[in-house]
C-alpha cells in the first residue's frame, strides 16, 4: 500500500491517489455475494446465545480486550505515521522509507495470519502476551538503530505487533456471543480511533525530544498492553463453550478420516 501510494504520487501527484480506489472496489465486489452467508451465521450464533443456559456476556473482560487493542493500535499507527517523517528528515529517499513502511505493513499481515494459527495451538492469551512482549525489543531496534537495517527490524516489529490483531477480535466475539457486529465494530473501530488519538500524542513527544525517542516511548505502551493482557483469564465459560462448538463443527466431518490416516 504505502509503496504503491509513493509510486502514484511520484507519477501523477496527489490526484494519482484516486487510483487506490480501484482495489477497494474490486474487494467490495468480491465480498458482496458472501454477505448472505455472514448474515446466516450471525443469526445462528444469536439464536444459540439466547439459550436459557447461556452465560451472560463478559463485558468486563471485553473492556480489557478493548484496551489491549487500543494500546497496540496506538503503537502500530504511530510507527507507520512517523517512520516516513523521520527518515525524510534524515535525508532518505521516498523510495526507501516507502519500502520500509510497506515492509512493516506486509509483515503485519503475515503476523496476523501466523498469530491466529499459533493461537489455535498454544492458546489465545499466550500469543497475545508473547507477541506484545516480542514487539518491544523489535521496536527498540527500529527506533534506536536507523538506517538500511531498519528494514529487518521493521519486519520483526510488524510480525510481532500485529500478531494479536485477529486474536483480540475473536476473543471479543466469543466473550459477547450473538453480538458479532457490536464487538467487531468496537474492536476495529476503537483501534482506528485510538490511532487517531495516540498519534498526535506521539507527535507532541517527537516535537519535544525527537522522533527516535518518541518511537522508543511506544515501548511503554506495548508493555502496558502486555501487562493488561495477562489479566485476561486463560479460560472463560463463554469463550470455552464457543471454542468447543467451533472445534466440533470443524472436526466432526473429518475425524474418522484423520483417525484412519493415523
Protein backbone atom coordinates (compact mmCIF):
# COMPACT_ATOMS: atom_id res chain seq x y z
CA UNK A 1 0.00 0.00 0.00
CA UNK A 2 2.49 2.71 1.03
CA UNK A 3 4.89 1.70 -1.75
CA UNK A 4 2.12 1.89 -4.36
CA UNK A 5 1.00 5.25 -2.96
CA UNK A 6 4.54 6.62 -3.25
CA UNK A 7 4.74 5.44 -6.87
CA UNK A 8 1.38 7.02 -7.73
CA UNK A 9 2.37 10.29 -6.09
CA UNK A 10 5.65 10.31 -7.98
CA UNK A 11 3.97 9.68 -11.34
CA UNK A 12 0.71 11.63 -11.09
CA UNK A 13 0.92 13.80 -7.99
CA UNK A 14 -1.89 13.94 -5.38
CA UNK A 15 -4.66 13.16 -7.97
CA UNK A 16 -2.97 9.81 -8.55
CA UNK A 17 -4.07 8.56 -5.14
CA UNK A 18 -7.60 8.26 -6.56
CA UNK A 19 -6.37 5.12 -8.32
CA UNK A 20 -6.17 3.45 -4.89
CA UNK A 21 -9.97 3.22 -5.05
CA UNK A 22 -9.70 0.51 -7.71
CA UNK A 23 -8.61 -2.37 -5.43
CA UNK A 24 -11.16 -1.30 -2.81
CA UNK A 25 -13.96 -1.52 -5.38
CA UNK A 26 -12.77 -4.95 -6.51
CA UNK A 27 -12.67 -6.27 -2.94
CA UNK A 28 -16.14 -4.86 -2.22
CA UNK A 29 -17.47 -6.65 -5.29
CA UNK A 30 -15.96 -9.93 -4.13
CA UNK A 31 -17.34 -9.58 -0.61
CA UNK A 32 -20.88 -8.61 -1.56
CA UNK A 33 -22.06 -12.12 -2.59
CA UNK A 34 -20.70 -13.54 0.68
CA UNK A 35 -22.73 -11.26 2.93
CA UNK A 36 -25.74 -13.60 2.87
CA UNK A 37 -23.57 -16.35 4.39
CA UNK A 38 -22.31 -13.96 7.05
CA UNK A 39 -25.86 -12.94 7.95
CA UNK A 40 -26.91 -16.59 8.23
CA UNK A 41 -24.02 -17.33 10.58
CA UNK A 42 -24.85 -14.26 12.66
CA UNK A 43 -28.45 -15.37 13.13
CA UNK A 44 -27.35 -18.87 14.09
CA UNK A 45 -24.95 -17.58 16.76
CA UNK A 46 -27.55 -15.13 18.05
CA UNK A 47 -30.05 -17.97 18.42
CA UNK A 48 -27.54 -20.02 20.42
CA UNK A 49 -26.75 -17.01 22.61
CA UNK A 50 -30.41 -16.62 23.60
CA UNK A 51 -30.50 -20.13 25.02
CA UNK A 52 -31.58 -20.11 28.67
CA UNK A 53 -28.41 -21.96 29.72
CA UNK A 54 -26.06 -19.49 28.04
CA UNK A 55 -23.86 -17.50 30.46
CA UNK A 56 -24.19 -13.71 30.47
CA UNK A 57 -21.87 -11.63 28.27
CA UNK A 58 -18.49 -10.94 29.86
CA UNK A 59 -18.48 -7.16 29.43
CA UNK A 60 -15.71 -6.67 31.99
CA UNK A 61 -13.31 -8.94 30.12
CA UNK A 62 -14.35 -7.32 26.87
CA UNK A 63 -13.21 -3.96 28.23
CA UNK A 64 -9.76 -5.40 28.91
CA UNK A 65 -9.54 -6.79 25.39
CA UNK A 66 -10.62 -3.38 24.07
CA UNK A 67 -7.89 -1.53 25.95
CA UNK A 68 -5.24 -4.03 24.80
CA UNK A 69 -6.38 -3.46 21.22
CA UNK A 70 -6.32 0.31 21.67
CA UNK A 71 -2.77 0.35 23.06
CA UNK A 72 -1.48 -1.96 20.34
CA UNK A 73 -3.10 0.20 17.66
CA UNK A 74 -1.59 3.34 19.18
CA UNK A 75 1.90 1.89 18.83
CA UNK A 76 1.42 0.45 15.34
CA UNK A 77 -0.24 3.51 13.83
CA UNK A 78 2.35 5.83 15.36
CA UNK A 79 5.18 3.82 13.85
CA UNK A 80 3.58 3.75 10.40
CA UNK A 81 2.93 7.51 10.54
CA UNK A 82 6.22 8.80 11.94
CA UNK A 83 8.79 6.50 10.38
CA UNK A 84 8.39 8.19 6.95
CA UNK A 85 8.69 11.66 8.51
CA UNK A 86 11.74 10.62 10.49
CA UNK A 87 13.55 9.14 7.51
CA UNK A 88 12.61 12.10 5.34
CA UNK A 89 14.24 14.39 7.91
CA UNK A 90 17.35 12.22 7.81
CA UNK A 91 17.57 12.67 4.05
CA UNK A 92 16.49 9.23 2.88
CA UNK A 93 14.60 8.89 -0.39
CA UNK A 94 10.86 8.36 -0.66
CA UNK A 95 11.55 5.02 -2.27
CA UNK A 96 13.44 3.84 0.82
CA UNK A 97 11.01 4.88 3.52
CA UNK A 98 8.06 3.91 1.34
CA UNK A 99 9.59 0.44 1.09
CA UNK A 100 10.21 0.43 4.85
CA UNK A 101 6.60 1.21 5.72
CA UNK A 102 5.39 -1.30 3.13
CA UNK A 103 7.59 -3.96 4.72
CA UNK A 104 6.13 -3.18 8.15
CA UNK A 105 2.55 -3.36 6.88
CA UNK A 106 3.10 -6.56 4.88
CA UNK A 107 4.86 -8.15 7.85
CA UNK A 108 1.87 -7.15 9.95
CA UNK A 109 -0.43 -9.03 7.58
CA UNK A 110 1.76 -12.13 7.84
CA UNK A 111 1.89 -11.72 11.61
CA UNK A 112 -1.90 -11.58 11.79
CA UNK A 113 -2.19 -14.91 9.95
CA UNK A 114 0.62 -16.51 11.95
CA UNK A 115 -0.77 -15.31 15.26
CA UNK A 116 -4.16 -16.81 14.51
CA UNK A 117 -2.62 -20.17 13.65
CA UNK A 118 -0.47 -20.18 16.80
CA UNK A 119 -3.46 -19.27 18.96
CA UNK A 120 -5.21 -22.48 17.89
CA UNK A 121 -2.19 -24.46 19.08
CA UNK A 122 -0.95 -22.78 22.25
CA UNK A 123 -3.82 -20.54 23.34
CA UNK A 124 -5.00 -17.04 22.62
CA UNK A 125 -3.66 -15.26 25.69
CA UNK A 126 -0.18 -16.75 25.30
CA UNK A 127 0.06 -15.46 21.74
CA UNK A 128 -1.31 -12.01 22.63
CA UNK A 129 1.05 -11.53 25.59
CA UNK A 130 4.03 -13.12 23.87
CA UNK A 131 3.68 -11.13 20.65
CA UNK A 132 3.31 -7.84 22.51
CA UNK A 133 6.41 -8.57 24.59
CA UNK A 134 8.41 -9.53 21.49
CA UNK A 135 7.29 -6.33 19.76
CA UNK A 136 9.08 -4.26 22.44
CA UNK A 137 12.69 -5.19 21.52
CA UNK A 138 11.76 -5.08 17.83
CA UNK A 139 10.51 -1.52 18.23
CA UNK A 140 13.56 -0.59 20.30
CA UNK A 141 15.81 -1.77 17.45
CA UNK A 142 13.74 0.11 14.89
CA UNK A 143 13.86 3.33 16.90
CA UNK A 144 17.43 3.01 18.15
CA UNK A 145 19.24 1.83 15.01
CA UNK A 146 18.01 3.79 11.99
CA UNK A 147 19.38 3.02 8.56
CA UNK A 148 19.15 0.28 5.93
CA UNK A 149 18.94 -2.44 8.60
CA UNK A 150 15.67 -0.87 9.72
CA UNK A 151 14.01 -3.00 7.04
CA UNK A 152 14.78 -6.07 9.16
CA UNK A 153 13.75 -4.54 12.49
CA UNK A 154 10.64 -3.12 10.81
CA UNK A 155 9.66 -6.57 9.57
CA UNK A 156 10.17 -8.01 13.05
CA UNK A 157 8.04 -5.25 14.53
CA UNK A 158 5.25 -5.77 12.01
CA UNK A 159 5.23 -9.52 12.57
CA UNK A 160 5.02 -9.25 16.36
CA UNK A 161 2.91 -6.12 16.83
CA UNK A 162 0.12 -7.25 14.52
CA UNK A 163 0.09 -10.91 15.57
CA UNK A 164 -2.62 -10.23 18.16
CA UNK A 165 -5.00 -8.33 15.85
CA UNK A 166 -7.21 -11.21 14.71
CA UNK A 167 -6.96 -12.92 18.11
CA UNK A 168 -8.35 -9.98 20.07
CA UNK A 169 -11.21 -9.74 17.58
CA UNK A 170 -12.10 -13.42 18.06
CA UNK A 171 -11.74 -13.12 21.84
CA UNK A 172 -14.19 -10.21 21.86
CA UNK A 173 -16.71 -12.06 19.70
CA UNK A 174 -16.60 -15.10 21.97
CA UNK A 175 -16.95 -13.08 25.16
CA UNK A 176 -20.18 -11.49 23.89
CA UNK A 177 -21.85 -14.18 21.74
CA UNK A 178 -24.64 -13.07 19.47
CA UNK A 179 -23.21 -9.55 19.18
CA UNK A 180 -20.68 -10.09 16.40
CA UNK A 181 -21.46 -6.76 14.76
CA UNK A 182 -21.12 -4.84 18.01
CA UNK A 183 -17.90 -6.49 19.14
CA UNK A 184 -16.30 -6.26 15.70
CA UNK A 185 -17.20 -2.59 15.44
CA UNK A 186 -15.89 -1.91 18.93
CA UNK A 187 -12.56 -3.70 18.45
CA UNK A 188 -11.81 -2.46 14.94
CA UNK A 189 -13.43 0.94 15.38
CA UNK A 190 -11.67 1.71 18.65
CA UNK A 191 -8.41 0.61 17.09
CA UNK A 192 -8.66 3.31 14.46
CA UNK A 193 -10.00 5.89 16.93
CA UNK A 194 -7.12 5.21 19.30
CA UNK A 195 -4.69 5.53 16.44
CA UNK A 196 -6.18 8.94 15.75
CA UNK A 197 -5.82 9.94 19.40
CA UNK A 198 -2.45 8.33 20.11
CA UNK A 199 -0.63 9.55 17.00
CA UNK A 200 -0.92 13.26 17.98
CA UNK A 201 0.34 12.42 21.47
CA UNK A 202 3.34 10.67 19.96
CA UNK A 203 3.75 13.64 17.64
CA UNK A 204 3.95 16.06 20.57
CA UNK A 205 6.62 13.86 22.12
CA UNK A 206 8.50 13.85 18.82
CA UNK A 207 8.39 17.65 18.68
CA UNK A 208 9.85 17.81 22.18
CA UNK A 209 12.52 15.11 22.13
CA UNK A 210 12.82 13.85 18.55
CA UNK A 211 11.41 11.01 16.50
CA UNK A 212 13.73 8.32 17.84
CA UNK A 213 12.84 8.98 21.48
CA UNK A 214 9.14 9.32 20.63
CA UNK A 215 9.11 5.94 18.91
CA UNK A 216 11.11 4.45 21.77
CA UNK A 217 8.47 5.69 24.22
CA UNK A 218 5.93 3.46 22.48
CA UNK A 219 7.70 0.51 24.10
CA UNK A 220 5.96 1.59 27.32
CA UNK A 221 2.61 1.50 25.53
CA UNK A 222 3.26 -2.06 24.34
CA UNK A 223 4.42 -3.09 27.82
CA UNK A 224 1.19 -1.74 29.32
CA UNK A 225 -0.80 -3.71 26.73
CA UNK A 226 1.08 -6.92 27.57
CA UNK A 227 0.56 -6.46 31.32
CA UNK A 228 -3.16 -5.89 30.83
CA UNK A 229 -3.40 -8.93 28.55
CA UNK A 230 -2.02 -11.02 31.42
CA UNK A 231 -5.21 -10.15 33.34
CA UNK A 232 -7.38 -11.80 30.72
CA UNK A 233 -8.16 -15.33 32.00
CA UNK A 234 -6.78 -18.27 30.07
CA UNK A 235 -10.26 -19.80 30.02
CA UNK A 236 -13.73 -18.33 30.41
CA UNK A 237 -17.10 -20.17 30.35
CA UNK A 238 -18.37 -18.26 27.33
CA UNK A 239 -15.17 -18.40 25.33
CA UNK A 240 -14.56 -22.05 26.21
CA UNK A 241 -18.06 -23.08 25.18
CA UNK A 242 -17.90 -21.15 21.92
CA UNK A 243 -14.46 -22.54 21.14
CA UNK A 244 -15.69 -26.07 21.78
CA UNK A 245 -18.60 -25.59 19.39
CA UNK A 246 -16.26 -24.20 16.72
CA UNK A 247 -13.87 -27.10 17.15
CA UNK A 248 -16.70 -29.63 16.91
CA UNK A 249 -18.00 -28.07 13.72
CA UNK A 250 -14.54 -28.06 12.16
CA UNK A 251 -13.55 -31.60 13.09
CA UNK A 252 -16.80 -33.59 13.06
CA UNK A 253 -16.89 -34.38 9.31
CA UNK A 254 -13.20 -35.28 9.07
CA UNK A 255 -12.46 -37.05 12.37
CA UNK A 256 -12.98 -40.61 11.01
CA UNK A 257 -10.66 -39.88 8.08
CA UNK A 258 -7.96 -38.46 10.32
CA UNK A 259 -8.14 -41.45 12.64
CA UNK A 260 -7.91 -43.79 9.69
CA UNK A 261 -4.86 -42.00 8.38
CA UNK A 262 -3.15 -42.25 11.73
